[in-house]
Amino acid sequence: MTTPPDGLPVYRLLTGPDDAAFCHRVSEALKAGYRLHEGPAITFDGERVIVAQAVVWPGA
């Protein structure tokens, strides 16, 4: 497949609380064919840890 499925962009930034739901979202992107782009970014909003992970479509 030369383009991401379902009209998704070639670059995506997944963000959210550092929980199982976020990990599942990243895992689903990897299963769909995306690759991690660098390491995650992590911050604290005063109540919880918030993470961001960029994923890119191979060959983009």
N, C-alpha and C. Protein backbone atom coordinates (compact mmCIF):
# COMPACT_ATOMS: atom_id res chain seq x y z
N MET A 1 0.84 -1.17 0.00
CA MET A 1 0.00 0.00 0.00
C MET A 1 0.90 1.24 0.00
N THR A 2 0.68 2.14 -0.92
CA THR A 2 1.55 3.31 -1.05
C THR A 2 1.03 4.53 -0.30
N THR A 3 -0.23 4.50 0.10
CA THR A 3 -0.79 5.61 0.87
C THR A 3 -1.47 5.06 2.11
N PRO A 4 -1.61 5.88 3.14
CA PRO A 4 -2.27 5.40 4.37
C PRO A 4 -3.72 5.01 4.10
N PRO A 5 -4.26 4.11 4.90
CA PRO A 5 -5.64 3.67 4.72
C PRO A 5 -6.64 4.75 5.13
N ASP A 6 -7.84 4.64 4.62
CA ASP A 6 -8.97 5.47 5.03
C ASP A 6 -8.73 6.97 4.87
N GLY A 7 -7.86 7.36 3.92
CA GLY A 7 -7.61 8.77 3.69
C GLY A 7 -6.84 9.47 4.79
N LEU A 8 -6.19 8.72 5.65
CA LEU A 8 -5.41 9.32 6.74
C LEU A 8 -4.19 10.03 6.18
N PRO A 9 -3.68 11.05 6.89
CA PRO A 9 -2.50 11.76 6.41
C PRO A 9 -1.23 10.91 6.59
N VAL A 10 -0.18 11.27 5.87
CA VAL A 10 1.08 10.52 5.98
C VAL A 10 1.80 10.81 7.29
N TYR A 11 1.51 11.96 7.91
CA TYR A 11 2.09 12.32 9.20
C TYR A 11 0.96 12.49 10.20
N ARG A 12 1.11 11.87 11.35
CA ARG A 12 0.11 12.01 12.40
C ARG A 12 0.81 12.24 13.73
N LEU A 13 0.24 13.11 14.55
CA LEU A 13 0.74 13.33 15.90
C LEU A 13 -0.36 12.87 16.85
N LEU A 14 -0.08 11.77 17.52
CA LEU A 14 -1.04 11.20 18.46
C LEU A 14 -0.73 11.78 19.84
N THR A 15 -1.74 12.28 20.53
CA THR A 15 -1.55 12.89 21.85
C THR A 15 -2.62 12.39 22.81
N GLY A 16 -2.31 12.48 24.10
CA GLY A 16 -3.29 12.15 25.11
C GLY A 16 -2.65 11.79 26.42
N PRO A 17 -3.47 11.50 27.42
CA PRO A 17 -2.93 11.06 28.70
C PRO A 17 -2.14 9.77 28.53
N ASP A 18 -1.13 9.59 29.34
CA ASP A 18 -0.31 8.38 29.28
C ASP A 18 -1.06 7.24 29.95
N ASP A 19 -1.92 6.60 29.16
CA ASP A 19 -2.72 5.50 29.68
C ASP A 19 -2.82 4.40 28.63
N ALA A 20 -3.54 3.37 28.97
CA ALA A 20 -3.68 2.22 28.06
C ALA A 20 -4.34 2.63 26.75
N ALA A 21 -5.30 3.53 26.80
CA ALA A 21 -5.99 3.95 25.57
C ALA A 21 -5.01 4.60 24.60
N PHE A 22 -4.10 5.42 25.11
CA PHE A 22 -3.11 6.05 24.25
C PHE A 22 -2.19 4.98 23.65
N CYS A 23 -1.74 4.06 24.46
CA CYS A 23 -0.87 2.99 23.96
C CYS A 23 -1.57 2.17 22.88
N HIS A 24 -2.86 1.92 23.04
CA HIS A 24 -3.62 1.19 22.02
C HIS A 24 -3.70 1.99 20.72
N ARG A 25 -3.87 3.31 20.81
CA ARG A 25 -3.93 4.15 19.61
C ARG A 25 -2.61 4.08 18.84
N VAL A 26 -1.50 4.16 19.56
CA VAL A 26 -0.19 4.06 18.90
C VAL A 26 -0.02 2.66 18.30
N SER A 27 -0.40 1.63 19.04
CA SER A 27 -0.29 0.26 18.54
C SER A 27 -1.13 0.06 17.28
N GLU A 28 -2.33 0.62 17.24
CA GLU A 28 -3.18 0.50 16.06
C GLU A 28 -2.55 1.20 14.85
N ALA A 29 -1.93 2.35 15.07
CA ALA A 29 -1.25 3.04 13.97
C ALA A 29 -0.11 2.19 13.44
N LEU A 30 0.64 1.55 14.33
CA LEU A 30 1.74 0.69 13.90
C LEU A 30 1.22 -0.53 13.13
N LYS A 31 0.13 -1.11 13.59
CA LYS A 31 -0.46 -2.25 12.89
C LYS A 31 -0.96 -1.86 11.51
N ALA A 32 -1.41 -0.62 11.37
CA ALA A 32 -1.91 -0.14 10.07
C ALA A 32 -0.78 0.11 9.08
N GLY A 33 0.47 0.18 9.58
CA GLY A 33 1.61 0.37 8.68
C GLY A 33 2.44 1.60 8.95
N TYR A 34 2.01 2.45 9.88
CA TYR A 34 2.80 3.63 10.23
C TYR A 34 4.05 3.21 10.98
N ARG A 35 5.05 4.08 10.99
CA ARG A 35 6.30 3.87 11.73
C ARG A 35 6.49 5.03 12.70
N LEU A 36 7.09 4.73 13.85
CA LEU A 36 7.38 5.78 14.82
C LEU A 36 8.35 6.79 14.22
N HIS A 37 8.14 8.05 14.52
CA HIS A 37 9.07 9.10 14.10
C HIS A 37 9.68 9.70 15.35
N GLU A 38 10.94 9.34 15.60
CA GLU A 38 11.64 9.80 16.80
C GLU A 38 10.94 9.26 18.05
N GLY A 39 11.35 9.80 19.19
CA GLY A 39 10.78 9.36 20.47
C GLY A 39 9.58 10.21 20.86
N PRO A 40 8.90 9.80 21.92
CA PRO A 40 7.73 10.54 22.35
C PRO A 40 8.12 11.83 23.07
N ALA A 41 7.17 12.74 23.15
CA ALA A 41 7.30 13.94 23.98
C ALA A 41 6.40 13.73 25.19
N ILE A 42 6.85 14.18 26.35
CA ILE A 42 6.11 13.95 27.59
C ILE A 42 6.06 15.24 28.38
N THR A 43 4.89 15.54 28.96
CA THR A 43 4.75 16.71 29.82
C THR A 43 3.78 16.36 30.94
N PHE A 44 3.65 17.25 31.89
CA PHE A 44 2.74 17.08 33.01
C PHE A 44 1.85 18.30 33.08
N ASP A 45 0.55 18.12 33.10
CA ASP A 45 -0.38 19.25 33.08
C ASP A 45 -0.85 19.68 34.46
N GLY A 46 -0.19 19.21 35.49
CA GLY A 46 -0.58 19.54 36.86
C GLY A 46 -1.43 18.46 37.49
N GLU A 47 -2.01 17.58 36.66
CA GLU A 47 -2.83 16.49 37.16
C GLU A 47 -2.41 15.13 36.62
N ARG A 48 -1.94 15.13 35.37
CA ARG A 48 -1.60 13.85 34.75
C ARG A 48 -0.49 14.03 33.73
N VAL A 49 0.13 12.91 33.38
CA VAL A 49 1.19 12.91 32.37
C VAL A 49 0.51 12.87 31.00
N ILE A 50 0.93 13.77 30.11
CA ILE A 50 0.42 13.84 28.75
C ILE A 50 1.57 13.48 27.80
N VAL A 51 1.30 12.64 26.83
CA VAL A 51 2.31 12.19 25.89
C VAL A 51 1.91 12.52 24.45
N ALA A 52 2.90 12.59 23.60
CA ALA A 52 2.69 12.80 22.15
C ALA A 52 3.66 11.90 21.42
N GLN A 53 3.18 11.27 20.38
CA GLN A 53 4.03 10.41 19.55
C GLN A 53 3.71 10.66 18.08
N ALA A 54 4.72 11.05 17.33
CA ALA A 54 4.55 11.23 15.89
C ALA A 54 4.73 9.89 15.20
N VAL A 55 3.88 9.65 14.19
CA VAL A 55 4.01 8.48 13.34
C VAL A 55 3.95 8.94 11.89
N VAL A 56 4.70 8.27 11.03
CA VAL A 56 4.73 8.62 9.61
C VAL A 56 4.49 7.37 8.77
N TRP A 57 3.96 7.61 7.58
CA TRP A 57 3.73 6.53 6.63
C TRP A 57 5.06 6.26 5.92
N PRO A 58 5.50 5.01 5.83
CA PRO A 58 6.78 4.70 5.17
C PRO A 58 6.80 5.20 3.72
N GLY A 59 7.92 5.76 3.33
CA GLY A 59 8.10 6.24 1.96
C GLY A 59 7.51 7.60 1.69
N ALA A 60 6.92 8.21 2.71
CA ALA A 60 6.32 9.53 2.52
C ALA A 60 7.38 10.62 2.51
